[in-house]
Amino acid sequence: MITVLFIVQAILAVVLTLAILLQVKGQGFSGSFGGDSGSIFRTRRGVEKLLFNWTIGLAVAFMALSLITSIFAE
């Protein structure tokens, strides 16, 4: 059981990392750390909003799975 949880957690971590990397606009290294001030107050629409919401869901799922794994690992 614990092995399955670890495998699912690793897969979820990779998918979450890919979802975060897909959100970067590709405007150089400074865009990754907030250097692009022109897109801070922009409204997300379409696929960008869907990806943003999926990223939030993946992050919540990863946190919940991490807590469950730590409870069963004892």
C-alpha atoms as a PDB file:
ATOM      1  CA  MET A   1       0.000   0.000   0.000  1.00  0.00           C
ATOM      2  CA  ILE A   2       2.728   2.468   0.927  1.00  0.00           C
ATOM      3  CA  THR A   3       4.644   1.650  -2.256  1.00  0.00           C
ATOM      4  CA  VAL A   4       1.611   2.549  -4.371  1.00  0.00           C
ATOM      5  CA  LEU A   5       1.262   5.851  -2.521  1.00  0.00           C
ATOM      6  CA  PHE A   6       4.919   6.667  -3.166  1.00  0.00           C
ATOM      7  CA  ILE A   7       4.586   5.880  -6.875  1.00  0.00           C
ATOM      8  CA  VAL A   8       1.428   7.986  -7.226  1.00  0.00           C
ATOM      9  CA  GLN A   9       3.104  10.827  -5.341  1.00  0.00           C
ATOM     10  CA  ALA A  10       6.131  10.718  -7.655  1.00  0.00           C
ATOM     11  CA  ILE A  11       3.919  10.762 -10.760  1.00  0.00           C
ATOM     12  CA  LEU A  12       1.889  13.631  -9.326  1.00  0.00           C
ATOM     13  CA  ALA A  13       5.087  15.558  -8.602  1.00  0.00           C
ATOM     14  CA  VAL A  14       6.241  15.227 -12.210  1.00  0.00           C
ATOM     15  CA  VAL A  15       2.839  16.287 -13.583  1.00  0.00           C
ATOM     16  CA  LEU A  16       2.715  19.260 -11.199  1.00  0.00           C
ATOM     17  CA  THR A  17       6.207  20.326 -12.255  1.00  0.00           C
ATOM     18  CA  LEU A  18       5.227  20.149 -15.925  1.00  0.00           C
ATOM     19  CA  ALA A  19       2.068  22.176 -15.282  1.00  0.00           C
ATOM     20  CA  ILE A  20       4.097  24.878 -13.533  1.00  0.00           C
ATOM     21  CA  LEU A  21       6.678  24.977 -16.302  1.00  0.00           C
ATOM     22  CA  LEU A  22       3.975  25.310 -18.960  1.00  0.00           C
ATOM     23  CA  GLN A  23       2.773  28.514 -17.304  1.00  0.00           C
ATOM     24  CA  VAL A  24       6.062  30.354 -17.802  1.00  0.00           C
ATOM     25  CA  LYS A  25       5.698  32.719 -20.733  1.00  0.00           C
ATOM     26  CA  GLY A  26       9.117  32.075 -22.239  1.00  0.00           C
ATOM     27  CA  GLN A  27      10.277  35.666 -21.878  1.00  0.00           C
ATOM     28  CA  GLY A  28      13.677  34.854 -20.499  1.00  0.00           C
ATOM     29  CA  PHE A  29      15.008  33.995 -17.096  1.00  0.00           C
ATOM     30  CA  SER A  30      13.660  37.128 -15.396  1.00  0.00           C
ATOM     31  CA  GLY A  31      10.092  36.246 -16.427  1.00  0.00           C
ATOM     32  CA  SER A  32      10.234  33.174 -14.199  1.00  0.00           C
ATOM     33  CA  PHE A  33      10.877  35.279 -11.120  1.00  0.00           C
ATOM     34  CA  GLY A  34       8.522  38.174 -11.719  1.00  0.00           C
ATOM     35  CA  GLY A  35      10.821  40.371 -13.785  1.00  0.00           C
ATOM     36  CA  ASP A  36       8.090  40.937 -16.358  1.00  0.00           C
ATOM     37  CA  SER A  37       5.888  43.536 -14.676  1.00  0.00           C
ATOM     38  CA  GLY A  38       3.587  43.875 -17.682  1.00  0.00           C
ATOM     39  CA  SER A  39       1.770  40.582 -17.065  1.00  0.00           C
ATOM     40  CA  ILE A  40       1.139  40.886 -13.337  1.00  0.00           C
ATOM     41  CA  PHE A  41      -2.351  42.401 -13.561  1.00  0.00           C
ATOM     42  CA  ARG A  42      -3.494  40.525 -16.642  1.00  0.00           C
ATOM     43  CA  THR A  43      -6.686  38.446 -16.703  1.00  0.00           C
ATOM     44  CA  ARG A  44      -6.301  34.760 -17.527  1.00  0.00           C
ATOM     45  CA  ARG A  45      -8.612  33.440 -20.243  1.00  0.00           C
ATOM     46  CA  GLY A  46      -9.173  30.180 -22.078  1.00  0.00           C
ATOM     47  CA  VAL A  47      -6.461  27.543 -21.927  1.00  0.00           C
ATOM     48  CA  GLU A  48      -4.298  29.664 -19.639  1.00  0.00           C
ATOM     49  CA  LYS A  49      -7.072  29.832 -17.028  1.00  0.00           C
ATOM     50  CA  LEU A  50      -7.723  26.095 -17.355  1.00  0.00           C
ATOM     51  CA  LEU A  51      -4.026  25.320 -16.859  1.00  0.00           C
ATOM     52  CA  PHE A  52      -3.899  27.659 -13.854  1.00  0.00           C
ATOM     53  CA  ASN A  53      -6.893  25.950 -12.234  1.00  0.00           C
ATOM     54  CA  TRP A  54      -5.449  22.489 -12.978  1.00  0.00           C
ATOM     55  CA  THR A  55      -2.182  23.543 -11.339  1.00  0.00           C
ATOM     56  CA  ILE A  56      -4.016  24.593  -8.187  1.00  0.00           C
ATOM     57  CA  GLY A  57      -5.890  21.277  -8.142  1.00  0.00           C
ATOM     58  CA  LEU A  58      -2.683  19.306  -8.640  1.00  0.00           C
ATOM     59  CA  ALA A  59      -0.985  21.214  -5.831  1.00  0.00           C
ATOM     60  CA  VAL A  60      -3.871  20.511  -3.439  1.00  0.00           C
ATOM     61  CA  ALA A  61      -3.881  16.835  -4.453  1.00  0.00           C
ATOM     62  CA  PHE A  62      -0.113  16.606  -3.934  1.00  0.00           C
ATOM     63  CA  MET A  63      -0.394  18.159  -0.469  1.00  0.00           C
ATOM     64  CA  ALA A  64      -3.215  15.801   0.525  1.00  0.00           C
ATOM     65  CA  LEU A  65      -1.354  12.768  -0.802  1.00  0.00           C
ATOM     66  CA  SER A  66       1.783  13.847   1.069  1.00  0.00           C
ATOM     67  CA  LEU A  67      -0.165  14.042   4.325  1.00  0.00           C
ATOM     68  CA  ILE A  68      -1.795  10.645   3.717  1.00  0.00           C
ATOM     69  CA  THR A  69       1.573   9.093   2.863  1.00  0.00           C
ATOM     70  CA  SER A  70       3.160  10.493   6.014  1.00  0.00           C
ATOM     71  CA  ILE A  71       0.341   9.097   8.150  1.00  0.00           C
ATOM     72  CA  PHE A  72       0.636   5.591   6.655  1.00  0.00           C
ATOM     73  CA  ALA A  73       4.464   5.632   6.746  1.00  0.00           C
ATOM     74  CA  GLU A  74       4.561   5.607  10.541  1.00  0.00           C
END
